[in-house]
C-alpha atoms as a PDB file:
ATOM      1  CA  UNK A   1     -10.762  41.557 248.414  1.00  0.00           C
ATOM      2  CA  UNK A   2     -10.967  37.990 249.245  1.00  0.00           C
ATOM      3  CA  UNK A   3     -12.654  35.792 251.321  1.00  0.00           C
ATOM      4  CA  UNK A   4     -10.913  32.846 252.713  1.00  0.00           C
ATOM      5  CA  UNK A   5     -12.099  29.698 254.256  1.00  0.00           C
ATOM      6  CA  UNK A   6     -10.025  26.581 255.583  1.00  0.00           C
ATOM      7  CA  UNK A   7      -8.444  25.476 252.695  1.00  0.00           C
ATOM      8  CA  UNK A   8      -9.794  27.254 249.907  1.00  0.00           C
ATOM      9  CA  UNK A   9      -9.589  30.957 249.157  1.00  0.00           C
ATOM     10  CA  UNK A  10     -12.368  32.735 246.879  1.00  0.00           C
ATOM     11  CA  UNK A  11     -11.661  36.022 244.925  1.00  0.00           C
ATOM     12  CA  UNK A  12     -14.092  38.598 244.524  1.00  0.00           C
ATOM     13  CA  UNK A  13     -13.832  40.365 241.342  1.00  0.00           C
ATOM     14  CA  UNK A  14     -15.259  43.067 239.300  1.00  0.00           C
ATOM     15  CA  UNK A  15     -15.580  41.182 236.459  1.00  0.00           C
ATOM     16  CA  UNK A  16     -18.661  39.629 236.585  1.00  0.00           C
ATOM     17  CA  UNK A  17     -20.721  42.440 235.547  1.00  0.00           C
ATOM     18  CA  UNK A  18     -18.728  42.930 232.356  1.00  0.00           C
ATOM     19  CA  UNK A  19     -20.691  40.999 229.276  1.00  0.00           C
ATOM     20  CA  UNK A  20     -18.461  38.409 228.036  1.00  0.00           C
ATOM     21  CA  UNK A  21     -17.816  38.010 224.363  1.00  0.00           C
ATOM     22  CA  UNK A  22     -19.162  34.754 222.571  1.00  0.00           C
ATOM     23  CA  UNK A  23     -16.549  31.979 221.132  1.00  0.00           C
ATOM     24  CA  UNK A  24     -18.929  31.861 218.328  1.00  0.00           C
ATOM     25  CA  UNK A  25     -18.559  35.653 217.907  1.00  0.00           C
ATOM     26  CA  UNK A  26     -14.579  35.452 218.142  1.00  0.00           C
ATOM     27  CA  UNK A  27     -14.482  32.412 215.684  1.00  0.00           C
ATOM     28  CA  UNK A  28     -16.573  34.993 213.069  1.00  0.00           C
ATOM     29  CA  UNK A  29     -14.643  37.620 213.743  1.00  0.00           C
ATOM     30  CA  UNK A  30     -11.487  35.895 213.444  1.00  0.00           C
ATOM     31  CA  UNK A  31     -12.439  34.573 209.791  1.00  0.00           C
ATOM     32  CA  UNK A  32     -12.163  38.282 208.450  1.00  0.00           C
ATOM     33  CA  UNK A  33     -15.967  38.190 207.059  1.00  0.00           C
ATOM     34  CA  UNK A  34     -16.971  41.021 209.468  1.00  0.00           C
ATOM     35  CA  UNK A  35     -14.728  43.654 211.561  1.00  0.00           C
ATOM     36  CA  UNK A  36     -17.194  44.067 214.522  1.00  0.00           C
ATOM     37  CA  UNK A  37     -19.469  42.059 217.361  1.00  0.00           C
ATOM     38  CA  UNK A  38     -22.663  43.630 215.721  1.00  0.00           C
ATOM     39  CA  UNK A  39     -21.977  42.160 212.371  1.00  0.00           C
ATOM     40  CA  UNK A  40     -20.891  38.864 214.036  1.00  0.00           C
ATOM     41  CA  UNK A  41     -24.035  38.376 215.690  1.00  0.00           C
ATOM     42  CA  UNK A  42     -25.997  39.033 212.195  1.00  0.00           C
ATOM     43  CA  UNK A  43     -24.006  36.526 210.628  1.00  0.00           C
ATOM     44  CA  UNK A  44     -24.551  34.271 213.355  1.00  0.00           C
ATOM     45  CA  UNK A  45     -28.086  34.906 213.355  1.00  0.00           C
ATOM     46  CA  UNK A  46     -28.428  34.575 209.471  1.00  0.00           C
ATOM     47  CA  UNK A  47     -26.596  31.204 210.143  1.00  0.00           C
ATOM     48  CA  UNK A  48     -29.504  29.986 212.453  1.00  0.00           C
ATOM     49  CA  UNK A  49     -31.793  30.705 210.076  1.00  0.00           C
ATOM     50  CA  UNK A  50     -30.611  28.960 207.280  1.00  0.00           C
ATOM     51  CA  UNK A  51     -29.791  26.134 209.284  1.00  0.00           C
ATOM     52  CA  UNK A  52     -33.275  26.256 210.508  1.00  0.00           C
ATOM     53  CA  UNK A  53     -34.772  26.453 207.153  1.00  0.00           C
ATOM     54  CA  UNK A  54     -32.432  23.249 206.117  1.00  0.00           C
ATOM     55  CA  UNK A  55     -33.520  21.678 209.210  1.00  0.00           C
ATOM     56  CA  UNK A  56     -37.567  22.200 208.490  1.00  0.00           C
ATOM     57  CA  UNK A  57     -37.203  21.216 204.643  1.00  0.00           C
ATOM     58  CA  UNK A  58     -35.552  17.922 205.578  1.00  0.00           C
ATOM     59  CA  UNK A  59     -38.219  16.917 208.461  1.00  0.00           C
ATOM     60  CA  UNK A  60     -41.155  17.970 206.090  1.00  0.00           C
ATOM     61  CA  UNK A  61     -39.639  16.302 203.048  1.00  0.00           C
ATOM     62  CA  UNK A  62     -38.792  13.088 205.203  1.00  0.00           C
ATOM     63  CA  UNK A  63     -42.578  11.995 205.079  1.00  0.00           C
ATOM     64  CA  UNK A  64     -44.083   8.956 203.210  1.00  0.00           C
ATOM     65  CA  UNK A  65     -45.899  10.798 200.106  1.00  0.00           C
ATOM     66  CA  UNK A  66     -49.275  10.278 199.582  1.00  0.00           C
ATOM     67  CA  UNK A  67     -50.429   7.152 197.208  1.00  0.00           C
ATOM     68  CA  UNK A  68     -52.354   8.478 194.295  1.00  0.00           C
ATOM     69  CA  UNK A  69     -55.705   6.940 193.998  1.00  0.00           C
ATOM     70  CA  UNK A  70     -56.277   4.583 191.444  1.00  0.00           C
ATOM     71  CA  UNK A  71     -59.596   4.745 190.137  1.00  0.00           C
ATOM     72  CA  UNK A  72     -61.620   1.554 188.193  1.00  0.00           C
ATOM     73  CA  UNK A  73     -62.171   3.485 185.126  1.00  0.00           C
ATOM     74  CA  UNK A  74     -57.874   4.248 185.197  1.00  0.00           C
ATOM     75  CA  UNK A  75     -57.446   0.180 184.939  1.00  0.00           C
ATOM     76  CA  UNK A  76     -57.463  -0.913 181.343  1.00  0.00           C
ATOM     77  CA  UNK A  77     -60.042  -3.266 180.241  1.00  0.00           C
ATOM     78  CA  UNK A  78     -57.681  -6.233 179.482  1.00  0.00           C
ATOM     79  CA  UNK A  79     -56.400  -5.691 182.917  1.00  0.00           C
ATOM     80  CA  UNK A  80     -59.529  -5.382 184.815  1.00  0.00           C
ATOM     81  CA  UNK A  81     -60.341  -8.872 183.632  1.00  0.00           C
ATOM     82  CA  UNK A  82     -57.178 -10.632 185.283  1.00  0.00           C
ATOM     83  CA  UNK A  83     -58.263  -8.721 188.646  1.00  0.00           C
ATOM     84  CA  UNK A  84     -60.169 -10.946 190.886  1.00  0.00           C
ATOM     85  CA  UNK A  85     -63.761  -9.842 191.616  1.00  0.00           C
ATOM     86  CA  UNK A  86     -63.567  -9.323 195.273  1.00  0.00           C
ATOM     87  CA  UNK A  87     -60.819  -6.763 194.683  1.00  0.00           C
ATOM     88  CA  UNK A  88     -62.376  -4.967 192.148  1.00  0.00           C
ATOM     89  CA  UNK A  89     -65.013  -4.306 194.530  1.00  0.00           C
ATOM     90  CA  UNK A  90     -62.725  -2.034 196.669  1.00  0.00           C
ATOM     91  CA  UNK A  91     -61.418  -0.110 193.892  1.00  0.00           C
ATOM     92  CA  UNK A  92     -63.374   3.398 193.912  1.00  0.00           C
ATOM     93  CA  UNK A  93     -64.966   4.618 191.056  1.00  0.00           C
ATOM     94  CA  UNK A  94     -65.267   8.169 189.432  1.00  0.00           C
ATOM     95  CA  UNK A  95     -69.031   7.617 189.178  1.00  0.00           C
ATOM     96  CA  UNK A  96     -69.891   7.255 192.958  1.00  0.00           C
END
């Protein structure tokens, strides 16, 4: 059955109700790793999880690391003599 408009023709097909097979599923099946569509879907789900984990790892690891706090007692006495007093006042102490 077809519907005609001036200059155009549209076909009403019965293939709208049939599910389409994914191109990615076809690629996985063509690679020979799997034998049916369900196995291909599992492979694709596994790949999605792996890529999500890699992305999370990259994003979580890309932040700047928190600097280690240097306390006044960690600075050797010889080096403390070279630091100006106004800067020494800003360095935290473990005793406070």
